[in-house]
Amino acid sequence: MELLEEIKKRFSRASTGQKITTINVEQIPCYCSIGVDPEEKKLGQRLFVDVSVEIIADNAVSTDNVNNTLSYVDIYSKVQVIGKSKYHSLVETLTEEFAEAFLAHELVQKVKVKVYKPHIPYPEFQGNVSVEVKREKY
């Protein structure tokens, strides 16, 4: 039954003719106080954030007015505010906070956020670390 309701919701939205647009802002640098190691907490570090939002773009497209969309400048600014707002132990927690903030915007239907942590404070660690979350309203 749950699957049937999901299909109905998607079909209903598609049949309204709404214009859905994806906005991607990638590799946003953000200096954050993050980590479990005491040195990380003290010094903080630069993370990189990718944000992808699917928005209802009907008004933006028809008016060509930035006030009717979610501007990439607003996306960048929100990442900075949230990233610098408080200390986080886990990249997972910070990534979820980014996703929740963007999903709260009235035009946003889906969001994907990926946070990269390029510097791991363990000499024996090699590789890349990132956390990605996907959330949607329906």
Protein backbone atom coordinates (compact mmCIF):
# COMPACT_ATOMS: atom_id res chain seq x y z
CA MET A 1 0.00 0.00 0.00
CA GLU A 2 2.85 2.38 0.83
CA LEU A 3 4.39 1.88 -2.62
CA LEU A 4 1.04 2.60 -4.27
CA GLU A 5 0.73 5.89 -2.36
CA GLU A 6 4.27 6.89 -3.41
CA ILE A 7 3.46 6.21 -7.06
CA LYS A 8 0.24 8.22 -6.81
CA LYS A 9 2.09 11.19 -5.32
CA ARG A 10 4.73 11.17 -8.02
CA PHE A 11 2.16 10.80 -10.80
CA SER A 12 0.03 13.56 -9.34
CA ARG A 13 2.95 15.98 -9.22
CA ALA A 14 4.07 15.06 -12.74
CA SER A 15 0.57 15.52 -14.14
CA THR A 16 0.39 19.10 -12.84
CA GLY A 17 3.05 20.10 -15.34
CA GLN A 18 5.37 21.59 -12.75
CA LYS A 19 8.81 22.50 -13.98
CA ILE A 20 11.37 20.73 -11.81
CA THR A 21 14.91 22.11 -12.10
CA THR A 22 18.09 20.80 -10.50
CA ILE A 23 20.56 23.34 -9.14
CA ASN A 24 24.07 22.06 -8.39
CA VAL A 25 26.70 23.96 -6.42
CA GLU A 26 29.87 21.96 -6.03
CA GLN A 27 33.06 22.07 -3.99
CA ILE A 28 31.95 24.86 -1.67
CA PRO A 29 34.84 25.41 0.75
CA CYS A 30 33.74 25.74 4.36
CA TYR A 31 35.92 26.04 7.44
CA CYS A 32 34.35 23.99 10.23
CA SER A 33 35.07 22.88 13.75
CA ILE A 34 34.64 19.16 13.23
CA GLY A 35 36.12 15.86 14.31
CA VAL A 36 36.55 13.52 17.25
CA ASP A 37 40.25 14.09 17.75
CA PRO A 38 41.05 16.87 20.30
CA GLU A 39 43.38 18.57 17.82
CA GLU A 40 40.62 18.66 15.18
CA LYS A 41 38.24 20.24 17.67
CA LYS A 42 40.78 22.89 18.56
CA LEU A 43 42.01 23.77 15.08
CA GLY A 44 39.02 23.05 12.85
CA GLN A 45 39.49 22.30 9.18
CA ARG A 46 38.33 23.06 5.69
CA LEU A 47 35.66 20.80 4.24
CA PHE A 48 34.17 20.86 0.76
CA VAL A 49 30.44 20.59 0.18
CA ASP A 50 28.40 19.63 -2.89
CA VAL A 51 24.72 20.59 -2.85
CA SER A 52 22.16 19.49 -5.40
CA VAL A 53 18.55 20.62 -5.01
CA GLU A 54 15.52 19.88 -7.14
CA ILE A 55 13.16 22.84 -7.04
CA ILE A 56 9.76 23.72 -8.44
CA ALA A 57 10.90 26.30 -10.97
CA ASP A 58 7.61 27.42 -12.54
CA ASN A 59 7.77 31.01 -11.24
CA ALA A 60 11.52 31.35 -11.72
CA VAL A 61 11.32 30.27 -15.35
CA SER A 62 8.27 32.36 -16.21
CA THR A 63 9.48 35.56 -14.49
CA ASP A 64 13.26 35.27 -14.94
CA ASN A 65 13.53 36.66 -11.41
CA VAL A 66 16.11 35.42 -8.89
CA ASN A 67 13.62 36.04 -6.07
CA ASN A 68 11.54 33.13 -7.40
CA THR A 69 14.24 30.50 -7.08
CA LEU A 70 16.85 29.22 -4.66
CA SER A 71 19.91 31.17 -5.71
CA TYR A 72 23.29 29.47 -5.80
CA VAL A 73 24.57 32.41 -3.74
CA ASP A 74 21.98 31.54 -1.09
CA ILE A 75 23.11 27.91 -1.20
CA TYR A 76 26.72 28.98 -0.70
CA SER A 77 25.78 31.31 2.17
CA LYS A 78 23.66 28.68 3.94
CA VAL A 79 26.59 26.23 3.83
CA GLN A 80 28.83 28.85 5.43
CA VAL A 81 26.35 29.71 8.19
CA ILE A 82 25.57 26.11 9.11
CA GLY A 83 29.18 24.95 8.82
CA LYS A 84 30.42 27.65 11.15
CA SER A 85 27.48 27.60 13.55
CA LYS A 86 28.74 25.02 16.04
CA TYR A 87 31.11 22.16 16.67
CA HIS A 88 30.28 18.76 15.14
CA SER A 89 31.90 15.46 16.02
CA LEU A 90 30.64 13.65 12.92
CA VAL A 91 30.58 14.58 9.27
CA GLU A 92 27.34 12.58 9.14
CA THR A 93 25.65 15.00 11.54
CA LEU A 94 26.81 18.09 9.67
CA THR A 95 25.75 16.63 6.33
CA GLU A 96 22.28 15.88 7.69
CA GLU A 97 21.96 19.45 9.02
CA PHE A 98 22.78 20.83 5.57
CA ALA A 99 20.18 18.56 3.96
CA GLU A 100 17.46 19.45 6.48
CA ALA A 101 18.08 23.18 6.02
CA PHE A 102 17.75 23.02 2.24
CA LEU A 103 14.73 20.73 2.32
CA ALA A 104 12.97 23.28 4.55
CA HIS A 105 12.98 25.78 1.66
CA GLU A 106 9.50 26.00 0.14
CA LEU A 107 10.64 25.33 -3.44
CA VAL A 108 12.97 22.42 -2.70
CA GLN A 109 11.53 18.94 -3.35
CA LYS A 110 14.73 16.88 -3.14
CA VAL A 111 18.23 17.50 -1.88
CA LYS A 112 21.53 15.68 -2.11
CA VAL A 113 24.45 16.88 -0.01
CA LYS A 114 27.95 15.45 -0.10
CA VAL A 115 30.60 16.62 2.38
CA TYR A 116 34.27 15.89 1.74
CA LYS A 117 36.80 15.78 4.56
CA PRO A 118 40.16 15.88 2.79
CA HIS A 119 42.43 15.89 5.83
CA ILE A 120 42.27 12.98 8.21
CA PRO A 121 44.62 13.47 11.21
CA TYR A 122 46.02 9.94 11.23
CA PRO A 123 49.36 9.42 9.45
CA GLU A 124 48.56 5.82 8.54
CA PHE A 125 45.22 6.76 6.92
CA GLN A 126 45.18 7.00 3.15
CA GLY A 127 42.20 7.66 0.95
CA ASN A 128 39.33 10.06 0.58
CA VAL A 129 36.45 10.53 3.00
CA SER A 130 33.01 11.87 2.16
CA VAL A 131 29.48 11.51 3.48
CA GLU A 132 26.44 11.86 1.23
CA VAL A 133 22.76 12.11 2.16
CA LYS A 134 19.69 12.27 -0.06
CA ARG A 135 16.38 13.52 1.27
CA GLU A 136 13.03 14.39 -0.28
CA LYS A 137 9.72 15.86 0.81
CA TYR A 138 7.40 13.27 -0.68
